[in-house]
Amino acid sequence: MIPRPVLRKVTLRALITALVVGPLLTLINQYEALTGPAPPDPTKIALTMAVPFLVAFVSGYLTARSFLAQIADERLAAQAREAALTSQLAAAEATAAMPSTAKAEVASRD
């Protein structure tokens, strides 16, 4: 799940992208209708504005989701490393606390 502040930022960037790219695409795709006698098609203009928003939003959303998953994986790996080091330290401390005869017995088993 993506946190709301991240989702807001992704949405805002997608909106800015649509406001910059959408009119340019509309001008390119509807030039004759905008400059000629025929009226422009509002459906085509709306879709032309929506496409850059959707592309930017989906791209930003998937990137944020992937990044957050990577951070979660790295945290889990760090916790696993910490747990392994803690158990190794506990084993070393237990071995150090053993009498010397018990240490020799453990060493002979290895």
PDB file of N, CA and C in Angstrom:
ATOM      1  N   MET A   1       0.849  -1.187   0.000  1.00  0.00           N
ATOM      2  CA  MET A   1       0.000   0.000   0.000  1.00  0.00           C
ATOM      3  C   MET A   1       0.889   1.243   0.000  1.00  0.00           C
ATOM      4  N   ILE A   2       0.554   2.155  -0.854  1.00  0.00           N
ATOM      5  CA  ILE A   2       1.339   3.379  -0.963  1.00  0.00           C
ATOM      6  C   ILE A   2       0.768   4.422   0.003  1.00  0.00           C
ATOM      7  N   PRO A   3       1.630   5.053   0.801  1.00  0.00           N
ATOM      8  CA  PRO A   3       1.147   6.086   1.726  1.00  0.00           C
ATOM      9  C   PRO A   3       0.509   7.262   0.970  1.00  0.00           C
ATOM     10  N   ARG A   4      -0.464   7.896   1.607  1.00  0.00           N
ATOM     11  CA  ARG A   4      -1.188   8.995   0.966  1.00  0.00           C
ATOM     12  C   ARG A   4      -0.299  10.143   0.504  1.00  0.00           C
ATOM     13  N   PRO A   5       0.687  10.577   1.303  1.00  0.00           N
ATOM     14  CA  PRO A   5       1.534  11.680   0.807  1.00  0.00           C
ATOM     15  C   PRO A   5       2.258  11.329  -0.498  1.00  0.00           C
ATOM     16  N   VAL A   6       2.695  10.087  -0.626  1.00  0.00           N
ATOM     17  CA  VAL A   6       3.368   9.657  -1.858  1.00  0.00           C
ATOM     18  C   VAL A   6       2.362   9.628  -3.000  1.00  0.00           C
ATOM     19  N   LEU A   7       1.163   9.126  -2.724  1.00  0.00           N
ATOM     20  CA  LEU A   7       0.128   9.056  -3.751  1.00  0.00           C
ATOM     21  C   LEU A   7      -0.285  10.460  -4.206  1.00  0.00           C
ATOM     22  N   ARG A   8      -0.348  11.388  -3.274  1.00  0.00           N
ATOM     23  CA  ARG A   8      -0.667  12.777  -3.640  1.00  0.00           C
ATOM     24  C   ARG A   8       0.408  13.365  -4.550  1.00  0.00           C
ATOM     25  N   LYS A   9       1.669  13.086  -4.207  1.00  0.00           N
ATOM     26  CA  LYS A   9       2.772  13.612  -5.022  1.00  0.00           C
ATOM     27  C   LYS A   9       2.743  13.008  -6.424  1.00  0.00           C
ATOM     28  N   VAL A  10       2.475  11.707  -6.510  1.00  0.00           N
ATOM     29  CA  VAL A  10       2.382  11.042  -7.820  1.00  0.00           C
ATOM     30  C   VAL A  10       1.237  11.653  -8.633  1.00  0.00           C
ATOM     31  N   THR A  11       0.103  11.879  -7.981  1.00  0.00           N
ATOM     32  CA  THR A  11      -1.056  12.464  -8.668  1.00  0.00           C
ATOM     33  C   THR A  11      -0.764  13.894  -9.130  1.00  0.00           C
ATOM     34  N   LEU A  12      -0.120  14.675  -8.287  1.00  0.00           N
ATOM     35  CA  LEU A  12       0.214  16.049  -8.650  1.00  0.00           C
ATOM     36  C   LEU A  12       1.171  16.086  -9.837  1.00  0.00           C
ATOM     37  N   ARG A  13       2.178  15.229  -9.825  1.00  0.00           N
ATOM     38  CA  ARG A  13       3.115  15.198 -10.956  1.00  0.00           C
ATOM     39  C   ARG A  13       2.422  14.767 -12.241  1.00  0.00           C
ATOM     40  N   ALA A  14       1.504  13.806 -12.124  1.00  0.00           N
ATOM     41  CA  ALA A  14       0.763  13.356 -13.305  1.00  0.00           C
ATOM     42  C   ALA A  14      -0.119  14.481 -13.835  1.00  0.00           C
ATOM     43  N   LEU A  15      -0.727  15.235 -12.944  1.00  0.00           N
ATOM     44  CA  LEU A  15      -1.570  16.361 -13.357  1.00  0.00           C
ATOM     45  C   LEU A  15      -0.743  17.444 -14.052  1.00  0.00           C
ATOM     46  N   ILE A  16       0.423  17.740 -13.502  1.00  0.00           N
ATOM     47  CA  ILE A  16       1.303  18.733 -14.132  1.00  0.00           C
ATOM     48  C   ILE A  16       1.738  18.257 -15.511  1.00  0.00           C
ATOM     49  N   THR A  17       2.069  16.977 -15.607  1.00  0.00           N
ATOM     50  CA  THR A  17       2.459  16.407 -16.901  1.00  0.00           C
ATOM     51  C   THR A  17       1.323  16.537 -17.907  1.00  0.00           C
ATOM     52  N   ALA A  18       0.107  16.223 -17.462  1.00  0.00           N
ATOM     53  CA  ALA A  18      -1.044  16.306 -18.360  1.00  0.00           C
ATOM     54  C   ALA A  18      -1.311  17.747 -18.788  1.00  0.00           C
ATOM     55  N   LEU A  19      -1.098  18.694 -17.874  1.00  0.00           N
ATOM     56  CA  LEU A  19      -1.346  20.095 -18.216  1.00  0.00           C
ATOM     57  C   LEU A  19      -0.298  20.660 -19.179  1.00  0.00           C
ATOM     58  N   VAL A  20       0.883  20.049 -19.199  1.00  0.00           N
ATOM     59  CA  VAL A  20       1.927  20.498 -20.127  1.00  0.00           C
ATOM     60  C   VAL A  20       1.821  19.742 -21.455  1.00  0.00           C
ATOM     61  N   VAL A  21       1.718  18.423 -21.367  1.00  0.00           N
ATOM     62  CA  VAL A  21       1.753  17.597 -22.577  1.00  0.00           C
ATOM     63  C   VAL A  21       0.397  17.582 -23.292  1.00  0.00           C
ATOM     64  N   GLY A  22      -0.693  17.577 -22.528  1.00  0.00           N
ATOM     65  CA  GLY A  22      -2.030  17.484 -23.124  1.00  0.00           C
ATOM     66  C   GLY A  22      -2.332  18.559 -24.151  1.00  0.00           C
ATOM     67  N   PRO A  23      -2.129  19.840 -23.809  1.00  0.00           N
ATOM     68  CA  PRO A  23      -2.391  20.875 -24.827  1.00  0.00           C
ATOM     69  C   PRO A  23      -1.504  20.750 -26.062  1.00  0.00           C
ATOM     70  N   LEU A  24      -0.260  20.336 -25.868  1.00  0.00           N
ATOM     71  CA  LEU A  24       0.628  20.160 -27.033  1.00  0.00           C
ATOM     72  C   LEU A  24       0.100  19.050 -27.939  1.00  0.00           C
ATOM     73  N   LEU A  25      -0.313  17.937 -27.341  1.00  0.00           N
ATOM     74  CA  LEU A  25      -0.868  16.845 -28.152  1.00  0.00           C
ATOM     75  C   LEU A  25      -2.185  17.257 -28.801  1.00  0.00           C
ATOM     76  N   THR A  26      -2.988  18.009 -28.076  1.00  0.00           N
ATOM     77  CA  THR A  26      -4.252  18.491 -28.650  1.00  0.00           C
ATOM     78  C   THR A  26      -3.976  19.381 -29.860  1.00  0.00           C
ATOM     79  N   LEU A  27      -3.010  20.256 -29.721  1.00  0.00           N
ATOM     80  CA  LEU A  27      -2.658  21.134 -30.837  1.00  0.00           C
ATOM     81  C   LEU A  27      -2.171  20.321 -32.037  1.00  0.00           C
ATOM     82  N   ILE A  28      -1.363  19.312 -31.771  1.00  0.00           N
ATOM     83  CA  ILE A  28      -0.850  18.475 -32.863  1.00  0.00           C
ATOM     84  C   ILE A  28      -1.976  17.657 -33.498  1.00  0.00           C
ATOM     85  N   ASN A  29      -2.791  17.017 -32.676  1.00  0.00           N
ATOM     86  CA  ASN A  29      -3.820  16.105 -33.197  1.00  0.00           C
ATOM     87  C   ASN A  29      -5.065  16.824 -33.726  1.00  0.00           C
ATOM     88  N   GLN A  30      -5.370  18.002 -33.224  1.00  0.00           N
ATOM     89  CA  GLN A  30      -6.599  18.705 -33.604  1.00  0.00           C
ATOM     90  C   GLN A  30      -6.304  20.040 -34.303  1.00  0.00           C
ATOM     91  N   TYR A  31      -5.135  20.193 -34.886  1.00  0.00           N
ATOM     92  CA  TYR A  31      -4.746  21.471 -35.472  1.00  0.00           C
ATOM     93  C   TYR A  31      -5.760  21.962 -36.506  1.00  0.00           C
ATOM     94  N   GLU A  32      -6.147  21.078 -37.414  1.00  0.00           N
ATOM     95  CA  GLU A  32      -7.091  21.485 -38.460  1.00  0.00           C
ATOM     96  C   GLU A  32      -8.433  21.909 -37.859  1.00  0.00           C
ATOM     97  N   ALA A  33      -8.890  21.164 -36.849  1.00  0.00           N
ATOM     98  CA  ALA A  33     -10.178  21.497 -36.231  1.00  0.00           C
ATOM     99  C   ALA A  33     -10.086  22.788 -35.432  1.00  0.00           C
ATOM    100  N   LEU A  34      -8.937  23.037 -34.815  1.00  0.00           N
ATOM    101  CA  LEU A  34      -8.780  24.250 -34.012  1.00  0.00           C
ATOM    102  C   LEU A  34      -8.621  25.499 -34.876  1.00  0.00           C
ATOM    103  N   THR A  35      -8.012  25.348 -36.059  1.00  0.00           N
ATOM    104  CA  THR A  35      -7.771  26.516 -36.916  1.00  0.00           C
ATOM    105  C   THR A  35      -8.736  26.630 -38.070  1.00  0.00           C
ATOM    106  N   GLY A  36      -9.499  25.569 -38.339  1.00  0.00           N
ATOM    107  CA  GLY A  36     -10.403  25.575 -39.490  1.00  0.00           C
ATOM    108  C   GLY A  36     -11.838  25.852 -39.102  1.00  0.00           C
ATOM    109  N   PRO A  37     -12.720  25.721 -40.074  1.00  0.00           N
ATOM    110  CA  PRO A  37     -14.133  26.005 -39.837  1.00  0.00           C
ATOM    111  C   PRO A  37     -14.854  24.903 -39.036  1.00  0.00           C
ATOM    112  N   ALA A  38     -14.336  23.684 -39.079  1.00  0.00           N
ATOM    113  CA  ALA A  38     -14.997  22.576 -38.365  1.00  0.00           C
ATOM    114  C   ALA A  38     -14.730  22.701 -36.859  1.00  0.00           C
ATOM    115  N   PRO A  39     -15.745  22.403 -36.050  1.00  0.00           N
ATOM    116  CA  PRO A  39     -15.539  22.501 -34.597  1.00  0.00           C
ATOM    117  C   PRO A  39     -14.681  21.336 -34.092  1.00  0.00           C
ATOM    118  N   PRO A  40     -13.865  21.575 -33.058  1.00  0.00           N
ATOM    119  CA  PRO A  40     -13.057  20.493 -32.504  1.00  0.00           C
ATOM    120  C   PRO A  40     -13.952  19.473 -31.802  1.00  0.00           C
ATOM    121  N   ASP A  41     -13.513  18.238 -31.777  1.00  0.00           N
ATOM    122  CA  ASP A  41     -14.261  17.165 -31.124  1.00  0.00           C
ATOM    123  C   ASP A  41     -13.888  17.141 -29.632  1.00  0.00           C
ATOM    124  N   PRO A  42     -14.828  17.466 -28.738  1.00  0.00           N
ATOM    125  CA  PRO A  42     -14.503  17.519 -27.310  1.00  0.00           C
ATOM    126  C   PRO A  42     -14.085  16.170 -26.726  1.00  0.00           C
ATOM    127  N   THR A  43     -14.625  15.084 -27.269  1.00  0.00           N
ATOM    128  CA  THR A  43     -14.243  13.752 -26.783  1.00  0.00           C
ATOM    129  C   THR A  43     -12.773  13.479 -27.076  1.00  0.00           C
ATOM    130  N   LYS A  44     -12.355  13.797 -28.291  1.00  0.00           N
ATOM    131  CA  LYS A  44     -10.947  13.589 -28.656  1.00  0.00           C
ATOM    132  C   LYS A  44     -10.028  14.480 -27.817  1.00  0.00           C
ATOM    133  N   ILE A  45     -10.458  15.709 -27.564  1.00  0.00           N
ATOM    134  CA  ILE A  45      -9.645  16.614 -26.748  1.00  0.00           C
ATOM    135  C   ILE A  45      -9.532  16.082 -25.322  1.00  0.00           C
ATOM    136  N   ALA A  46     -10.644  15.605 -24.768  1.00  0.00           N
ATOM    137  CA  ALA A  46     -10.626  15.057 -23.398  1.00  0.00           C
ATOM    138  C   ALA A  46      -9.725  13.830 -23.316  1.00  0.00           C
ATOM    139  N   LEU A  47      -9.831  12.967 -24.307  1.00  0.00           N
ATOM    140  CA  LEU A  47      -8.972  11.776 -24.304  1.00  0.00           C
ATOM    141  C   LEU A  47      -7.500  12.148 -24.486  1.00  0.00           C
ATOM    142  N   THR A  48      -7.244  13.139 -25.312  1.00  0.00           N
ATOM    143  CA  THR A  48      -5.876  13.594 -25.527  1.00  0.00           C
ATOM    144  C   THR A  48      -5.285  14.168 -24.240  1.00  0.00           C
ATOM    145  N   MET A  49      -6.118  14.795 -23.428  1.00  0.00           N
ATOM    146  CA  MET A  49      -5.657  15.325 -22.140  1.00  0.00           C
ATOM    147  C   MET A  49      -5.508  14.201 -21.101  1.00  0.00           C
ATOM    148  N   ALA A  50      -6.377  13.195 -21.179  1.00  0.00           N
ATOM    149  CA  ALA A  50      -6.375  12.122 -20.181  1.00  0.00           C
ATOM    150  C   ALA A  50      -5.201  11.158 -20.354  1.00  0.00           C
ATOM    151  N   VAL A  51      -4.801  10.923 -21.571  1.00  0.00           N
ATOM    152  CA  VAL A  51      -3.738   9.932 -21.815  1.00  0.00           C
ATOM    153  C   VAL A  51      -2.426  10.304 -21.121  1.00  0.00           C
ATOM    154  N   PRO A  52      -1.912  11.529 -21.242  1.00  0.00           N
ATOM    155  CA  PRO A  52      -0.666  11.844 -20.529  1.00  0.00           C
ATOM    156  C   PRO A  52      -0.816  11.717 -19.011  1.00  0.00           C
ATOM    157  N   PHE A  53      -1.994  12.095 -18.488  1.00  0.00           N
ATOM    158  CA  PHE A  53      -2.222  11.949 -17.048  1.00  0.00           C
ATOM    159  C   PHE A  53      -2.155  10.481 -16.642  1.00  0.00           C
ATOM    160  N   LEU A  54      -2.858   9.627 -17.366  1.00  0.00           N
ATOM    161  CA  LEU A  54      -2.883   8.208 -17.018  1.00  0.00           C
ATOM    162  C   LEU A  54      -1.503   7.562 -17.143  1.00  0.00           C
ATOM    163  N   VAL A  55      -0.784   7.888 -18.196  1.00  0.00           N
ATOM    164  CA  VAL A  55       0.560   7.318 -18.375  1.00  0.00           C
ATOM    165  C   VAL A  55       1.482   7.763 -17.244  1.00  0.00           C
ATOM    166  N   ALA A  56       1.466   9.046 -16.923  1.00  0.00           N
ATOM    167  CA  ALA A  56       2.329   9.554 -15.851  1.00  0.00           C
ATOM    168  C   ALA A  56       1.910   9.000 -14.501  1.00  0.00           C
ATOM    169  N   PHE A  57       0.602   8.897 -14.260  1.00  0.00           N
ATOM    170  CA  PHE A  57       0.125   8.397 -12.967  1.00  0.00           C
ATOM    171  C   PHE A  57       0.488   6.930 -12.785  1.00  0.00           C
ATOM    172  N   VAL A  58       0.215   6.105 -13.780  1.00  0.00           N
ATOM    173  CA  VAL A  58       0.514   4.669 -13.665  1.00  0.00           C
ATOM    174  C   VAL A  58       2.019   4.455 -13.522  1.00  0.00           C
ATOM    175  N   SER A  59       2.804   5.179 -14.287  1.00  0.00           N
ATOM    176  CA  SER A  59       4.253   5.060 -14.190  1.00  0.00           C
ATOM    177  C   SER A  59       4.749   5.458 -12.802  1.00  0.00           C
ATOM    178  N   GLY A  60       4.277   6.587 -12.293  1.00  0.00           N
ATOM    179  CA  GLY A  60       4.678   7.036 -10.958  1.00  0.00           C
ATOM    180  C   GLY A  60       4.221   6.083  -9.868  1.00  0.00           C
ATOM    181  N   TYR A  61       3.003   5.575  -9.998  1.00  0.00           N
ATOM    182  CA  TYR A  61       2.458   4.636  -9.009  1.00  0.00           C
ATOM    183  C   TYR A  61       3.277   3.358  -8.962  1.00  0.00           C
ATOM    184  N   LEU A  62       3.557   2.787 -10.129  1.00  0.00           N
ATOM    185  CA  LEU A  62       4.329   1.537 -10.172  1.00  0.00           C
ATOM    186  C   LEU A  62       5.761   1.747  -9.681  1.00  0.00           C
ATOM    187  N   THR A  63       6.339   2.880  -9.999  1.00  0.00           N
ATOM    188  CA  THR A  63       7.689   3.182  -9.521  1.00  0.00           C
ATOM    189  C   THR A  63       7.702   3.316  -8.001  1.00  0.00           C
ATOM    190  N   ALA A  64       6.736   4.035  -7.448  1.00  0.00           N
ATOM    191  CA  ALA A  64       6.660   4.205  -5.989  1.00  0.00           C
ATOM    192  C   ALA A  64       6.428   2.871  -5.308  1.00  0.00           C
ATOM    193  N   ARG A  65       5.549   2.049  -5.871  1.00  0.00           N
ATOM    194  CA  ARG A  65       5.274   0.731  -5.282  1.00  0.00           C
ATOM    195  C   ARG A  65       6.527  -0.155  -5.305  1.00  0.00           C
ATOM    196  N   SER A  66       7.232  -0.133  -6.408  1.00  0.00           N
ATOM    197  CA  SER A  66       8.459  -0.919  -6.524  1.00  0.00           C
ATOM    198  C   SER A  66       9.518  -0.431  -5.538  1.00  0.00           C
ATOM    199  N   PHE A  67       9.663   0.888  -5.425  1.00  0.00           N
ATOM    200  CA  PHE A  67      10.647   1.467  -4.514  1.00  0.00           C
ATOM    201  C   PHE A  67      10.319   1.113  -3.067  1.00  0.00           C
ATOM    202  N   LEU A  68       9.056   1.220  -2.680  1.00  0.00           N
ATOM    203  CA  LEU A  68       8.657   0.895  -1.309  1.00  0.00           C
ATOM    204  C   LEU A  68       8.835  -0.591  -1.016  1.00  0.00           C
ATOM    205  N   ALA A  69       8.582  -1.442  -1.996  1.00  0.00           N
ATOM    206  CA  ALA A  69       8.803  -2.884  -1.817  1.00  0.00           C
ATOM    207  C   ALA A  69      10.289  -3.177  -1.642  1.00  0.00           C
ATOM    208  N   GLN A  70      11.125  -2.483  -2.392  1.00  0.00           N
ATOM    209  CA  GLN A  70      12.574  -2.667  -2.273  1.00  0.00           C
ATOM    210  C   GLN A  70      13.053  -2.244  -0.885  1.00  0.00           C
ATOM    211  N   ILE A  71      12.532  -1.139  -0.378  1.00  0.00           N
ATOM    212  CA  ILE A  71      12.902  -0.687   0.968  1.00  0.00           C
ATOM    213  C   ILE A  71      12.477  -1.714   2.010  1.00  0.00           C
ATOM    214  N   ALA A  72      11.267  -2.260   1.852  1.00  0.00           N
ATOM    215  CA  ALA A  72      10.778  -3.271   2.796  1.00  0.00           C
ATOM    216  C   ALA A  72      11.663  -4.516   2.751  1.00  0.00           C
ATOM    217  N   ASP A  73      12.064  -4.939   1.551  1.00  0.00           N
ATOM    218  CA  ASP A  73      12.950  -6.101   1.419  1.00  0.00           C
ATOM    219  C   ASP A  73      14.297  -5.846   2.092  1.00  0.00           C
ATOM    220  N   GLU A  74      14.836  -4.645   1.903  1.00  0.00           N
ATOM    221  CA  GLU A  74      16.121  -4.318   2.522  1.00  0.00           C
ATOM    222  C   GLU A  74      16.010  -4.303   4.044  1.00  0.00           C
ATOM    223  N   ARG A  75      14.895  -3.822   4.569  1.00  0.00           N
ATOM    224  CA  ARG A  75      14.691  -3.828   6.024  1.00  0.00           C
ATOM    225  C   ARG A  75      14.609  -5.247   6.552  1.00  0.00           C
ATOM    226  N   LEU A  76      13.897  -6.118   5.845  1.00  0.00           N
ATOM    227  CA  LEU A  76      13.806  -7.511   6.274  1.00  0.00           C
ATOM    228  C   LEU A  76      15.173  -8.192   6.246  1.00  0.00           C
ATOM    229  N   ALA A  77      15.947  -7.919   5.219  1.00  0.00           N
ATOM    230  CA  ALA A  77      17.284  -8.507   5.124  1.00  0.00           C
ATOM    231  C   ALA A  77      18.171  -8.003   6.257  1.00  0.00           C
ATOM    232  N   ALA A  78      18.069  -6.722   6.590  1.00  0.00           N
ATOM    233  CA  ALA A  78      18.858  -6.163   7.689  1.00  0.00           C
ATOM    234  C   ALA A  78      18.443  -6.783   9.018  1.00  0.00           C
ATOM    235  N   GLN A  79      17.148  -6.999   9.208  1.00  0.00           N
ATOM    236  CA  GLN A  79      16.681  -7.642  10.436  1.00  0.00           C
ATOM    237  C   GLN A  79      17.176  -9.076  10.520  1.00  0.00           C
ATOM    238  N   ALA A  80      17.195  -9.785   9.400  1.00  0.00           N
ATOM    239  CA  ALA A  80      17.690 -11.161   9.387  1.00  0.00           C
ATOM    240  C   ALA A  80      19.183 -11.198   9.705  1.00  0.00           C
ATOM    241  N   ARG A  81      19.955 -10.262   9.129  1.00  0.00           N
ATOM    242  CA  ARG A  81      21.389 -10.206   9.431  1.00  0.00           C
ATOM    243  C   ARG A  81      21.616  -9.904  10.911  1.00  0.00           C
ATOM    244  N   GLU A  82      20.821  -8.984  11.450  1.00  0.00           N
ATOM    245  CA  GLU A  82      20.950  -8.624  12.862  1.00  0.00           C
ATOM    246  C   GLU A  82      20.614  -9.811  13.758  1.00  0.00           C
ATOM    247  N   ALA A  83      19.594 -10.570  13.403  1.00  0.00           N
ATOM    248  CA  ALA A  83      19.217 -11.746  14.191  1.00  0.00           C
ATOM    249  C   ALA A  83      20.320 -12.807  14.137  1.00  0.00           C
ATOM    250  N   ALA A  84      20.917 -12.990  12.966  1.00  0.00           N
ATOM    251  CA  ALA A  84      21.999 -13.974  12.830  1.00  0.00           C
ATOM    252  C   ALA A  84      23.208 -13.551  13.659  1.00  0.00           C
ATOM    253  N   LEU A  85      23.559 -12.262  13.605  1.00  0.00           N
ATOM    254  CA  LEU A  85      24.692 -11.784  14.394  1.00  0.00           C
ATOM    255  C   LEU A  85      24.419 -11.897  15.895  1.00  0.00           C
ATOM    256  N   THR A  86      23.188 -11.627  16.292  1.00  0.00           N
ATOM    257  CA  THR A  86      22.823 -11.741  17.702  1.00  0.00           C
ATOM    258  C   THR A  86      22.956 -13.178  18.175  1.00  0.00           C
ATOM    259  N   SER A  87      22.500 -14.134  17.371  1.00  0.00           N
ATOM    260  CA  SER A  87      22.608 -15.545  17.772  1.00  0.00           C
ATOM    261  C   SER A  87      24.072 -15.995  17.777  1.00  0.00           C
ATOM    262  N   GLN A  88      24.878 -15.504  16.836  1.00  0.00           N
ATOM    263  CA  GLN A  88      26.301 -15.850  16.842  1.00  0.00           C
ATOM    264  C   GLN A  88      26.988 -15.279  18.080  1.00  0.00           C
ATOM    265  N   LEU A  89      26.642 -14.063  18.448  1.00  0.00           N
ATOM    266  CA  LEU A  89      27.205 -13.441  19.631  1.00  0.00           C
ATOM    267  C   LEU A  89      26.803 -14.200  20.886  1.00  0.00           C
ATOM    268  N   ALA A  90      25.539 -14.594  20.948  1.00  0.00           N
ATOM    269  CA  ALA A  90      25.066 -15.357  22.112  1.00  0.00           C
ATOM    270  C   ALA A  90      25.798 -16.696  22.204  1.00  0.00           C
ATOM    271  N   ALA A  91      26.021 -17.351  21.085  1.00  0.00           N
ATOM    272  CA  ALA A  91      26.743 -18.624  21.079  1.00  0.00           C
ATOM    273  C   ALA A  91      28.190 -18.421  21.507  1.00  0.00           C
ATOM    274  N   ALA A  92      28.799 -17.337  21.027  1.00  0.00           N
ATOM    275  CA  ALA A  92      30.189 -17.064  21.407  1.00  0.00           C
ATOM    276  C   ALA A  92      30.292 -16.757  22.893  1.00  0.00           C
ATOM    277  N   GLU A  93      29.333 -16.008  23.424  1.00  0.00           N
ATOM    278  CA  GLU A  93      29.333 -15.700  24.855  1.00  0.00           C
ATOM    279  C   GLU A  93      29.105 -16.951  25.686  1.00  0.00           C
ATOM    280  N   ALA A  94      28.228 -17.837  25.209  1.00  0.00           N
ATOM    281  CA  ALA A  94      27.975 -19.082  25.928  1.00  0.00           C
ATOM    282  C   ALA A  94      29.216 -19.960  25.932  1.00  0.00           C
ATOM    283  N   THR A  95      29.924 -19.976  24.812  1.00  0.00           N
ATOM    284  CA  THR A  95      31.150 -20.766  24.733  1.00  0.00           C
ATOM    285  C   THR A  95      32.226 -20.176  25.646  1.00  0.00           C
ATOM    286  N   ALA A  96      32.309 -18.872  25.690  1.00  0.00           N
ATOM    287  CA  ALA A  96      33.311 -18.217  26.535  1.00  0.00           C
ATOM    288  C   ALA A  96      33.030 -18.462  28.012  1.00  0.00           C
ATOM    289  N   ALA A  97      31.776 -18.631  28.371  1.00  0.00           N
ATOM    290  CA  ALA A  97      31.410 -18.846  29.774  1.00  0.00           C
ATOM    291  C   ALA A  97      31.582 -20.295  30.218  1.00  0.00           C
ATOM    292  N   MET A  98      31.811 -21.198  29.282  1.00  0.00           N
ATOM    293  CA  MET A  98      31.967 -22.616  29.626  1.00  0.00           C
ATOM    294  C   MET A  98      33.307 -22.870  30.312  1.00  0.00           C
ATOM    295  N   PRO A  99      33.343 -23.861  31.179  1.00  0.00           N
ATOM    296  CA  PRO A  99      34.646 -24.274  31.731  1.00  0.00           C
ATOM    297  C   PRO A  99      35.517 -24.828  30.614  1.00  0.00           C
ATOM    298  N   SER A 100      36.816 -24.835  30.803  1.00  0.00           N
ATOM    299  CA  SER A 100      37.739 -25.249  29.749  1.00  0.00           C
ATOM    300  C   SER A 100      37.541 -26.705  29.343  1.00  0.00           C
ATOM    301  N   THR A 101      37.103 -27.580  30.219  1.00  0.00           N
ATOM    302  CA  THR A 101      36.884 -28.976  29.840  1.00  0.00           C
ATOM    303  C   THR A 101      35.679 -29.103  28.903  1.00  0.00           C
ATOM    304  N   ALA A 102      34.652 -28.292  29.141  1.00  0.00           N
ATOM    305  CA  ALA A 102      33.459 -28.307  28.279  1.00  0.00           C
ATOM    306  C   ALA A 102      33.809 -27.740  26.911  1.00  0.00           C
ATOM    307  N   LYS A 103      34.687 -26.727  26.859  1.00  0.00           N
ATOM    308  CA  LYS A 103      35.115 -26.151  25.581  1.00  0.00           C
ATOM    309  C   LYS A 103      35.830 -27.207  24.755  1.00  0.00           C
ATOM    310  N   ALA A 104      36.692 -27.973  25.373  1.00  0.00           N
ATOM    311  CA  ALA A 104      37.427 -29.017  24.664  1.00  0.00           C
ATOM    312  C   ALA A 104      36.462 -30.063  24.144  1.00  0.00           C
ATOM    313  N   GLU A 105      35.430 -30.371  24.907  1.00  0.00           N
ATOM    314  CA  GLU A 105      34.446 -31.354  24.498  1.00  0.00           C
ATOM    315  C   GLU A 105      33.662 -30.840  23.274  1.00  0.00           C
ATOM    316  N   VAL A 106      33.269 -29.582  23.287  1.00  0.00           N
ATOM    317  CA  VAL A 106      32.543 -28.992  22.162  1.00  0.00           C
ATOM    318  C   VAL A 106      33.439 -28.938  20.948  1.00  0.00           C
ATOM    319  N   ALA A 107      34.703 -28.582  21.114  1.00  0.00           N
ATOM    320  CA  ALA A 107      35.659 -28.507  20.003  1.00  0.00           C
ATOM    321  C   ALA A 107      35.881 -29.873  19.391  1.00  0.00           C
ATOM    322  N   SER A 108      35.895 -30.926  20.190  1.00  0.00           N
ATOM    323  CA  SER A 108      36.136 -32.254  19.644  1.00  0.00           C
ATOM    324  C   SER A 108      34.939 -32.755  18.838  1.00  0.00           C
ATOM    325  N   ARG A 109      33.739 -32.224  19.105  1.00  0.00           N
ATOM    326  CA  ARG A 109      32.558 -32.621  18.331  1.00  0.00           C
ATOM    327  C   ARG A 109      32.591 -32.003  16.928  1.00  0.00           C
ATOM    328  N   ASP A 110      33.156 -30.833  16.829  1.00  0.00           N
ATOM    329  CA  ASP A 110      33.184 -30.129  15.516  1.00  0.00           C
ATOM    330  C   ASP A 110      34.214 -30.789  14.677  1.00  0.00           C
TER     331      ASP A 110
END
